[in-house]
Amino acid sequence: MVRTGYVWHERFDDNFAIGHLSDNTLNPKKKRTIPVAGASLVTTITDYTRFIEYLMKQKGLDKRLFKEMISPQIEILSKTQFPPITEETTTENKAINLSYGLGWGL
């Protein structure tokens, strides 16, 4: 995974995408110098696909760690997630055990 990092690397400068805001202006790319685990991962579709493939095949991971990663860690009770984050909660998703594992939503 040579084009993946939690901080910006100069080698990313030649090829990256940026999004648009609701008023159709460009959303400036944050070139972070300090890693933020929940928000700063920069990757390519190739690197991310490789990561997910390894994960699904459980390559390079202890079986206990894989099981922990895909087990519910934090129950999701919020009504909305991104954006905006509110304090409004719901029980609508209890039946499907909506939650976060280690690294993603389940």
N, C-alpha and C. Protein backbone atom coordinates (compact mmCIF):
# COMPACT_ATOMS: atom_id res chain seq x y z
N MET A 1 0.85 -1.17 0.00
CA MET A 1 0.00 0.00 0.00
C MET A 1 0.90 1.23 0.00
N VAL A 2 1.39 1.59 -1.16
CA VAL A 2 2.38 2.66 -1.27
C VAL A 2 1.76 4.05 -1.40
N ARG A 3 0.46 4.11 -1.63
CA ARG A 3 -0.19 5.43 -1.74
C ARG A 3 -1.27 5.57 -0.66
N THR A 4 -0.92 5.17 0.55
CA THR A 4 -1.83 5.23 1.68
C THR A 4 -1.09 5.78 2.89
N GLY A 5 -1.75 6.64 3.64
CA GLY A 5 -1.14 7.17 4.84
C GLY A 5 -2.13 7.96 5.67
N TYR A 6 -1.80 8.17 6.92
CA TYR A 6 -2.62 9.00 7.81
C TYR A 6 -2.15 10.44 7.82
N VAL A 7 -1.02 10.71 7.21
CA VAL A 7 -0.55 12.07 6.98
C VAL A 7 -0.25 12.20 5.49
N TRP A 8 -0.20 13.43 5.00
CA TRP A 8 0.03 13.68 3.58
C TRP A 8 1.51 13.46 3.26
N HIS A 9 1.76 12.78 2.15
CA HIS A 9 3.12 12.56 1.67
C HIS A 9 3.26 13.24 0.32
N GLU A 10 4.44 13.79 0.04
CA GLU A 10 4.66 14.49 -1.24
C GLU A 10 4.33 13.61 -2.43
N ARG A 11 4.53 12.32 -2.32
CA ARG A 11 4.27 11.43 -3.45
C ARG A 11 2.78 11.39 -3.82
N PHE A 12 1.90 11.91 -2.95
CA PHE A 12 0.47 11.97 -3.24
C PHE A 12 0.12 13.19 -4.12
N ASP A 13 1.03 14.17 -4.18
CA ASP A 13 0.72 15.45 -4.84
C ASP A 13 0.36 15.32 -6.32
N ASP A 14 0.84 14.32 -7.01
CA ASP A 14 0.62 14.24 -8.45
C ASP A 14 -0.71 13.59 -8.84
N ASN A 15 -1.45 13.03 -7.87
CA ASN A 15 -2.67 12.32 -8.25
C ASN A 15 -3.58 12.16 -7.04
N PHE A 16 -4.56 13.05 -6.91
CA PHE A 16 -5.54 12.93 -5.83
C PHE A 16 -6.84 13.58 -6.26
N ALA A 17 -7.90 13.16 -5.64
CA ALA A 17 -9.23 13.71 -5.93
C ALA A 17 -9.70 14.55 -4.77
N ILE A 18 -10.56 15.51 -5.07
CA ILE A 18 -11.18 16.31 -4.03
C ILE A 18 -12.68 16.37 -4.29
N GLY A 19 -13.42 16.60 -3.25
CA GLY A 19 -14.87 16.66 -3.37
C GLY A 19 -15.38 18.07 -3.60
N HIS A 20 -16.69 18.18 -3.64
CA HIS A 20 -17.34 19.47 -3.81
C HIS A 20 -18.27 19.72 -2.62
N LEU A 21 -18.42 20.97 -2.28
CA LEU A 21 -19.32 21.38 -1.21
C LEU A 21 -20.73 21.56 -1.78
N SER A 22 -21.71 21.78 -0.93
CA SER A 22 -23.10 21.89 -1.37
C SER A 22 -23.33 23.06 -2.32
N ASP A 23 -22.46 24.07 -2.29
CA ASP A 23 -22.61 25.20 -3.21
C ASP A 23 -21.78 25.00 -4.49
N ASN A 24 -21.33 23.78 -4.74
CA ASN A 24 -20.56 23.38 -5.92
C ASN A 24 -19.14 23.93 -5.97
N THR A 25 -18.65 24.52 -4.88
CA THR A 25 -17.25 24.93 -4.84
C THR A 25 -16.41 23.72 -4.42
N LEU A 26 -15.14 23.77 -4.76
CA LEU A 26 -14.25 22.67 -4.41
C LEU A 26 -14.00 22.63 -2.90
N ASN A 27 -13.97 21.44 -2.36
CA ASN A 27 -13.66 21.24 -0.95
C ASN A 27 -12.15 21.08 -0.85
N PRO A 28 -11.45 22.07 -0.31
CA PRO A 28 -9.98 22.00 -0.31
C PRO A 28 -9.46 20.73 0.36
N LYS A 29 -8.41 20.16 -0.20
CA LYS A 29 -7.80 18.95 0.35
C LYS A 29 -7.01 19.31 1.61
N LYS A 30 -7.28 18.62 2.69
CA LYS A 30 -6.51 18.81 3.92
C LYS A 30 -5.27 17.94 3.82
N LYS A 31 -4.13 18.55 3.76
CA LYS A 31 -2.87 17.81 3.68
C LYS A 31 -2.30 17.75 5.09
N ARG A 32 -2.84 16.82 5.86
CA ARG A 32 -2.53 16.74 7.29
C ARG A 32 -1.07 16.35 7.54
N THR A 33 -0.53 16.95 8.57
CA THR A 33 0.82 16.60 9.02
C THR A 33 0.78 15.85 10.34
N ILE A 34 -0.39 15.84 10.97
CA ILE A 34 -0.58 15.09 12.21
C ILE A 34 -1.68 14.06 11.96
N PRO A 35 -1.43 12.79 12.24
CA PRO A 35 -2.45 11.76 11.97
C PRO A 35 -3.66 11.90 12.89
N VAL A 36 -4.82 11.66 12.31
CA VAL A 36 -6.08 11.66 13.06
C VAL A 36 -6.77 10.34 12.68
N ALA A 37 -6.75 9.39 13.59
CA ALA A 37 -7.18 8.02 13.28
C ALA A 37 -8.57 7.96 12.64
N GLY A 38 -9.50 8.77 13.09
CA GLY A 38 -10.85 8.69 12.57
C GLY A 38 -11.12 9.57 11.37
N ALA A 39 -10.11 10.29 10.86
CA ALA A 39 -10.44 11.24 9.81
C ALA A 39 -9.35 11.50 8.78
N SER A 40 -8.16 11.01 8.94
CA SER A 40 -7.10 11.48 8.05
C SER A 40 -6.57 10.44 7.07
N LEU A 41 -7.16 9.27 7.00
CA LEU A 41 -6.65 8.26 6.07
C LEU A 41 -6.79 8.74 4.63
N VAL A 42 -5.70 8.70 3.90
CA VAL A 42 -5.67 9.01 2.48
C VAL A 42 -5.23 7.73 1.79
N THR A 43 -5.98 7.30 0.77
CA THR A 43 -5.63 6.07 0.07
C THR A 43 -6.14 6.13 -1.37
N THR A 44 -5.77 5.14 -2.14
CA THR A 44 -6.27 5.00 -3.50
C THR A 44 -7.23 3.82 -3.54
N ILE A 45 -8.02 3.75 -4.58
CA ILE A 45 -8.94 2.62 -4.71
C ILE A 45 -8.15 1.31 -4.83
N THR A 46 -6.99 1.35 -5.45
CA THR A 46 -6.17 0.14 -5.58
C THR A 46 -5.68 -0.33 -4.22
N ASP A 47 -5.13 0.58 -3.44
CA ASP A 47 -4.64 0.21 -2.11
C ASP A 47 -5.78 -0.25 -1.21
N TYR A 48 -6.90 0.47 -1.24
CA TYR A 48 -8.02 0.10 -0.37
C TYR A 48 -8.59 -1.26 -0.77
N THR A 49 -8.68 -1.51 -2.07
CA THR A 49 -9.16 -2.81 -2.55
C THR A 49 -8.24 -3.92 -2.08
N ARG A 50 -6.96 -3.70 -2.14
CA ARG A 50 -5.98 -4.69 -1.67
C ARG A 50 -6.17 -4.95 -0.18
N PHE A 51 -6.36 -3.89 0.58
CA PHE A 51 -6.58 -4.03 2.03
C PHE A 51 -7.83 -4.86 2.30
N ILE A 52 -8.95 -4.52 1.65
CA ILE A 52 -10.21 -5.25 1.86
C ILE A 52 -10.07 -6.70 1.41
N GLU A 53 -9.40 -6.93 0.29
CA GLU A 53 -9.19 -8.31 -0.18
C GLU A 53 -8.43 -9.12 0.87
N TYR A 54 -7.36 -8.57 1.40
CA TYR A 54 -6.59 -9.27 2.44
C TYR A 54 -7.44 -9.52 3.68
N LEU A 55 -8.23 -8.53 4.02
CA LEU A 55 -9.10 -8.67 5.18
C LEU A 55 -10.12 -9.78 4.97
N MET A 56 -10.77 -9.78 3.82
CA MET A 56 -11.80 -10.79 3.54
C MET A 56 -11.21 -12.19 3.48
N LYS A 57 -9.98 -12.30 3.01
CA LYS A 57 -9.32 -13.60 2.95
C LYS A 57 -8.60 -13.92 4.26
N GLN A 58 -8.65 -12.98 5.19
CA GLN A 58 -8.00 -13.10 6.50
C GLN A 58 -6.51 -13.39 6.36
N LYS A 59 -5.89 -12.74 5.38
CA LYS A 59 -4.45 -12.88 5.19
C LYS A 59 -3.71 -11.96 6.15
N GLY A 60 -2.70 -12.49 6.79
CA GLY A 60 -1.86 -11.68 7.65
C GLY A 60 -2.51 -11.25 8.95
N LEU A 61 -3.66 -11.82 9.28
CA LEU A 61 -4.34 -11.47 10.52
C LEU A 61 -4.58 -12.71 11.36
N ASP A 62 -4.34 -12.60 12.63
CA ASP A 62 -4.71 -13.65 13.56
C ASP A 62 -6.23 -13.80 13.54
N LYS A 63 -6.73 -15.02 13.56
CA LYS A 63 -8.18 -15.25 13.50
C LYS A 63 -8.93 -14.55 14.63
N ARG A 64 -8.33 -14.49 15.80
CA ARG A 64 -8.98 -13.80 16.92
C ARG A 64 -9.09 -12.30 16.65
N LEU A 65 -8.05 -11.73 16.05
CA LEU A 65 -8.08 -10.30 15.73
C LEU A 65 -9.14 -10.02 14.67
N PHE A 66 -9.23 -10.86 13.65
CA PHE A 66 -10.25 -10.69 12.63
C PHE A 66 -11.65 -10.75 13.25
N LYS A 67 -11.87 -11.73 14.10
CA LYS A 67 -13.17 -11.86 14.75
C LYS A 67 -13.50 -10.61 15.58
N GLU A 68 -12.50 -10.08 16.27
CA GLU A 68 -12.70 -8.87 17.07
C GLU A 68 -13.02 -7.68 16.18
N MET A 69 -12.36 -7.58 15.02
CA MET A 69 -12.59 -6.47 14.10
C MET A 69 -14.02 -6.44 13.58
N ILE A 70 -14.60 -7.61 13.37
CA ILE A 70 -15.95 -7.66 12.80
C ILE A 70 -17.03 -7.91 13.84
N SER A 71 -16.65 -7.81 15.10
CA SER A 71 -17.62 -7.93 16.19
C SER A 71 -18.08 -6.55 16.63
N PRO A 72 -19.35 -6.40 17.03
CA PRO A 72 -19.83 -5.10 17.51
C PRO A 72 -19.02 -4.62 18.71
N GLN A 73 -18.55 -3.38 18.64
CA GLN A 73 -17.81 -2.77 19.73
C GLN A 73 -18.59 -1.62 20.34
N ILE A 74 -19.23 -0.83 19.47
CA ILE A 74 -20.01 0.33 19.93
C ILE A 74 -21.35 0.32 19.21
N GLU A 75 -22.42 0.25 19.97
CA GLU A 75 -23.77 0.27 19.40
C GLU A 75 -24.06 1.65 18.82
N ILE A 76 -24.67 1.68 17.64
CA ILE A 76 -25.03 2.95 17.01
C ILE A 76 -26.50 3.23 17.30
N LEU A 77 -26.71 4.24 18.09
CA LEU A 77 -28.07 4.64 18.46
C LEU A 77 -28.43 6.02 17.93
N SER A 78 -27.47 6.70 17.30
CA SER A 78 -27.74 8.06 16.82
C SER A 78 -28.70 8.03 15.64
N LYS A 79 -29.51 9.07 15.54
CA LYS A 79 -30.49 9.18 14.46
C LYS A 79 -29.80 9.47 13.13
N THR A 80 -28.79 10.32 13.15
CA THR A 80 -28.01 10.63 11.95
C THR A 80 -26.54 10.52 12.28
N GLN A 81 -25.74 10.42 11.25
CA GLN A 81 -24.32 10.28 11.50
C GLN A 81 -23.53 11.42 10.86
N PHE A 82 -23.32 11.39 9.57
CA PHE A 82 -22.49 12.40 8.91
C PHE A 82 -23.27 13.13 7.85
N PRO A 83 -23.23 14.41 7.75
CA PRO A 83 -23.44 15.33 8.84
C PRO A 83 -24.91 15.44 9.12
N PRO A 84 -25.40 16.09 10.06
CA PRO A 84 -24.66 16.59 11.22
C PRO A 84 -24.69 15.56 12.32
N ILE A 85 -23.77 15.65 13.19
CA ILE A 85 -23.80 14.79 14.36
C ILE A 85 -24.73 15.44 15.38
N THR A 86 -25.73 14.72 15.80
CA THR A 86 -26.69 15.25 16.78
C THR A 86 -26.74 14.31 17.97
N GLU A 87 -27.44 14.74 18.98
CA GLU A 87 -27.62 13.89 20.15
C GLU A 87 -28.92 13.12 20.08
N GLU A 88 -29.68 13.29 18.98
CA GLU A 88 -30.94 12.57 18.81
C GLU A 88 -30.66 11.08 18.62
N THR A 89 -31.38 10.23 19.34
CA THR A 89 -31.16 8.79 19.25
C THR A 89 -32.42 8.08 18.76
N THR A 90 -32.25 6.81 18.40
CA THR A 90 -33.35 6.00 17.91
C THR A 90 -33.08 4.54 18.26
N THR A 91 -34.13 3.75 18.29
CA THR A 91 -33.99 2.30 18.48
C THR A 91 -34.34 1.56 17.18
N GLU A 92 -34.51 2.32 16.09
CA GLU A 92 -34.92 1.73 14.81
C GLU A 92 -33.99 0.63 14.31
N ASN A 93 -32.72 0.69 14.64
CA ASN A 93 -31.75 -0.27 14.10
C ASN A 93 -31.32 -1.34 15.08
N LYS A 94 -31.98 -1.44 16.21
CA LYS A 94 -31.61 -2.47 17.19
C LYS A 94 -31.74 -3.88 16.62
N ALA A 95 -32.75 -4.11 15.79
CA ALA A 95 -32.99 -5.45 15.25
C ALA A 95 -31.83 -5.95 14.39
N ILE A 96 -31.10 -5.03 13.77
CA ILE A 96 -29.97 -5.45 12.93
C ILE A 96 -28.63 -5.26 13.64
N ASN A 97 -28.69 -4.88 14.93
CA ASN A 97 -27.47 -4.72 15.73
C ASN A 97 -26.49 -3.75 15.08
N LEU A 98 -27.02 -2.62 14.59
CA LEU A 98 -26.17 -1.62 13.96
C LEU A 98 -25.13 -1.15 14.95
N SER A 99 -23.86 -1.25 14.56
CA SER A 99 -22.78 -0.92 15.48
C SER A 99 -21.49 -0.68 14.71
N TYR A 100 -20.49 -0.25 15.45
CA TYR A 100 -19.14 -0.14 14.89
C TYR A 100 -18.31 -1.31 15.39
N GLY A 101 -17.53 -1.86 14.47
CA GLY A 101 -16.52 -2.82 14.84
C GLY A 101 -15.22 -2.04 15.02
N LEU A 102 -14.10 -2.69 14.83
CA LEU A 102 -12.82 -1.99 14.92
C LEU A 102 -12.43 -1.52 13.53
N GLY A 103 -12.84 -0.31 13.22
CA GLY A 103 -12.45 0.28 11.93
C GLY A 103 -13.58 0.57 10.98
N TRP A 104 -14.78 0.06 11.23
CA TRP A 104 -15.88 0.32 10.31
C TRP A 104 -17.23 -0.02 10.93
N GLY A 105 -18.25 0.45 10.21
CA GLY A 105 -19.60 0.15 10.66
C GLY A 105 -19.99 -1.26 10.27
N LEU A 106 -20.80 -1.87 11.13
CA LEU A 106 -21.27 -3.23 10.87
C LEU A 106 -22.78 -3.21 10.67
